[in-house]
Protein backbone atom coordinates (compact mmCIF):
# COMPACT_ATOMS: atom_id res chain seq x y z
CA MET A 1 -0.04 0.58 -0.06
CA PHE A 2 2.79 2.02 0.92
CA ASP A 3 4.31 1.74 -2.74
CA PHE A 4 0.98 2.47 -4.06
CA LEU A 5 0.46 5.73 -2.20
CA LYS A 6 4.48 6.88 -2.90
CA ARG A 7 4.06 6.04 -6.67
CA LEU A 8 0.90 8.13 -7.01
CA ARG A 9 2.64 11.35 -5.12
CA GLN A 10 5.73 11.05 -7.64
CA LYS A 11 2.94 10.52 -10.64
CA LYS A 12 1.46 13.75 -9.53
CA MET A 13 5.09 16.01 -8.51
CA ARG A 14 6.06 14.94 -12.05
CA GLN A 15 2.71 15.86 -13.63
CA ALA A 16 3.02 19.66 -11.38
CA TYR A 17 6.41 19.55 -13.06
CA GLN A 18 5.60 19.32 -16.61
CA ASP A 19 2.81 22.00 -15.67
CA CYS A 20 5.21 24.49 -14.52
CA LEU A 21 7.41 24.07 -17.81
CA GLN A 22 4.58 24.10 -19.76
CA THR A 23 3.56 27.01 -18.14
CA GLU A 24 6.52 29.24 -18.23
CA PHE A 25 7.02 27.46 -22.18
CA ALA A 26 4.09 29.23 -23.20
CA GLU A 27 4.70 32.44 -21.28
CA GLU A 28 8.22 32.78 -22.65
CA PHE A 29 6.72 31.86 -26.09
CA LEU A 30 3.94 34.22 -25.71
CA GLN A 31 6.74 37.05 -24.81
CA THR A 32 8.17 36.38 -28.22
CA LEU A 33 5.87 36.52 -30.51
CA LEU A 34 4.40 39.78 -28.91
CA ASN A 35 8.07 41.10 -28.75
CA LEU A 36 8.52 40.10 -32.50
CA MET A 37 5.37 41.60 -33.12
CA GLY A 38 6.79 44.59 -31.61
CA ILE A 39 10.08 44.77 -33.98
CA THR A 40 7.72 44.49 -36.91
CA PHE A 41 5.49 47.40 -36.03
CA ALA A 42 9.06 49.57 -36.03
CA LEU A 43 10.21 47.90 -38.69
CA ASP A 44 7.42 47.51 -41.44
CA HIS A 45 5.35 50.39 -42.27
CA ASP A 46 2.66 48.35 -43.57
CA PHE A 47 2.70 46.37 -40.43
CA ARG A 48 2.47 49.89 -38.89
CA LYS A 49 -0.31 50.82 -39.99
CA ASN A 50 -2.68 48.21 -38.15
CA ILE A 51 -1.81 49.90 -34.86
CA ALA A 52 -2.22 53.53 -36.13
CA ASN A 53 -4.74 55.40 -34.70
CA PHE A 54 -4.91 52.42 -32.07
CA ASP A 55 -5.49 52.13 -28.49
CA GLY A 56 -5.81 48.84 -26.63
CA ARG A 57 -4.70 47.22 -23.46
CA TYR A 58 -4.89 42.97 -23.81
CA GLN A 59 -3.95 40.85 -20.54
CA PHE A 60 -3.09 37.46 -21.26
CA LYS A 61 -3.60 34.92 -18.51
CA THR A 62 -4.14 31.64 -17.17
CA MET A 63 -6.93 30.52 -14.79
CA ASP A 64 -4.03 29.50 -12.08
CA GLY A 65 -2.47 32.95 -11.93
CA LYS A 66 0.84 31.41 -13.12
CA LEU A 67 0.88 33.41 -17.03
CA THR A 68 0.41 36.98 -17.12
CA VAL A 69 1.89 39.23 -20.03
CA ALA A 70 0.02 42.24 -21.01
CA ALA A 71 0.03 43.72 -24.45
CA ILE A 72 -0.63 47.99 -24.25
CA PHE A 73 -1.19 49.58 -27.51
CA ASN A 74 -1.08 53.55 -27.65
CA GLN A 75 -0.30 56.09 -29.85
CA GLY A 76 1.42 53.81 -32.85
CA CYS A 77 3.06 51.88 -29.91
CA MET A 78 2.96 48.49 -28.71
CA LYS A 79 4.67 48.09 -24.77
CA VAL A 80 4.64 43.80 -23.46
CA ARG A 81 4.51 43.80 -19.77
CA GLU A 82 5.05 40.72 -17.86
CA LYS A 83 2.18 41.83 -14.97
CA VAL A 84 -1.28 41.92 -14.35
CA ILE A 85 -2.74 45.71 -15.96
CA ASN A 86 -5.12 47.98 -15.04
CA ASP A 87 -8.27 48.54 -17.29
CA PRO A 88 -8.04 46.29 -20.00
CA HIS A 89 -10.51 45.94 -23.06
CA ILE A 90 -9.87 42.56 -23.19
CA THR A 91 -8.73 39.41 -20.71
CA ILE A 92 -8.20 36.57 -22.75
CA THR A 93 -7.89 33.72 -19.56
CA PHE A 94 -6.40 30.00 -20.94
CA ARG A 95 -6.91 27.05 -18.98
CA ASN A 96 -3.27 26.48 -18.79
CA GLY A 97 0.04 26.66 -20.63
CA ARG A 98 -1.28 23.87 -22.88
CA ALA A 99 -4.64 25.62 -23.75
CA LEU A 100 -2.19 28.69 -25.08
CA LEU A 101 -0.17 26.64 -26.86
CA ASN A 102 -2.40 24.77 -28.97
CA PHE A 103 -4.51 27.80 -29.10
CA LEU A 104 -1.48 29.92 -30.69
CA PHE A 105 -0.27 26.28 -32.72
CA SER A 106 -3.40 26.14 -33.77
CA PRO A 107 -3.12 26.83 -38.14
CA ASN A 108 -6.92 27.87 -37.36
CA GLN A 109 -6.57 29.62 -34.89
CA ASP A 110 -11.13 29.15 -33.61
CA ILE A 111 -11.50 31.06 -30.60
CA LEU A 112 -15.17 29.98 -31.11
CA GLY A 113 -14.19 26.59 -30.75
CA ALA A 114 -11.81 27.10 -27.56
CA MET A 115 -14.30 28.65 -25.85
CA LEU A 116 -16.51 25.55 -26.03
CA ARG A 117 -13.64 23.50 -24.95
CA HIS A 118 -13.11 26.09 -21.68
CA ASP A 119 -9.99 26.40 -22.83
CA VAL A 120 -10.36 29.95 -23.42
CA GLN A 121 -12.53 32.48 -21.00
CA THR A 122 -13.02 36.17 -22.43
CA ASP A 123 -13.62 39.34 -20.65
CA GLY A 124 -14.22 42.43 -22.38
CA ASN A 125 -14.53 43.93 -26.13
CA LEU A 126 -14.27 40.63 -28.48
CA ASN A 127 -13.67 43.15 -31.32
CA TYR A 128 -10.27 43.81 -29.65
CA LEU A 129 -9.44 39.44 -29.41
CA TYR A 130 -10.60 39.53 -33.46
CA LYS A 131 -8.14 42.68 -34.00
CA PHE A 132 -5.26 40.82 -32.11
CA GLY A 133 -6.06 37.49 -34.09
CA PHE A 134 -5.82 39.28 -37.38
CA MET A 135 -2.22 40.85 -37.22
CA ALA A 136 -1.43 37.88 -35.13
CA LYS A 137 -1.97 36.10 -38.61
CA GLN A 138 -1.01 38.70 -40.83
CA LEU A 139 2.78 38.50 -39.06
CA GLN A 140 2.97 34.90 -39.09
CA ARG A 141 2.34 35.12 -42.99
CA MET A 142 4.77 37.35 -43.34
CA LEU A 143 7.74 34.79 -41.59
CA PRO A 144 9.55 32.75 -43.83
CA GLN A 145 7.55 28.75 -44.10
CA PRO A 146 9.55 25.69 -43.65
C-alpha cells in the first residue's frame, strides 16, 4: 500500500513539474511573439498601419495565475508587460499553458471552439481579440515558411 501511495505522489509531482514547464514555455513563447510583433511594427511601415490611431490594452493569463502577460497599444507603439494591468479592454484567460500553446500553434485559431471546449475565457470587448488575431495571422504570413 505504501508503494502505491509513493508512486501516486511521484506521478502527481511529475505532472505538476510538467505543467509548470509548459506554463513557463507558454509565457516565454507569448512574450517572444509579442516582442516580434513589436519589432515588426517598428520596421515594417505597412504592418505598423495596423496600430495607427489604435489604443488597446490586452491581458493574457492562465486560470491558475501563473502566466500574466499584457500588451498595450498606445499612439502607434506597443509595450509588453509581464504583469497584471489596470483596465484592460479584453482579458483572455487560458485554462493552462498547454491550452495557450495549442491555441497559438493551431493553423486555424478558432476562438469560438476554444471557448466551447473551455480552453479560453474572455472578458471584455471581443473586437479587440479579433483585431489581435488578425495582426498575429498577418505576422505569421510574413514569416518564412519551413
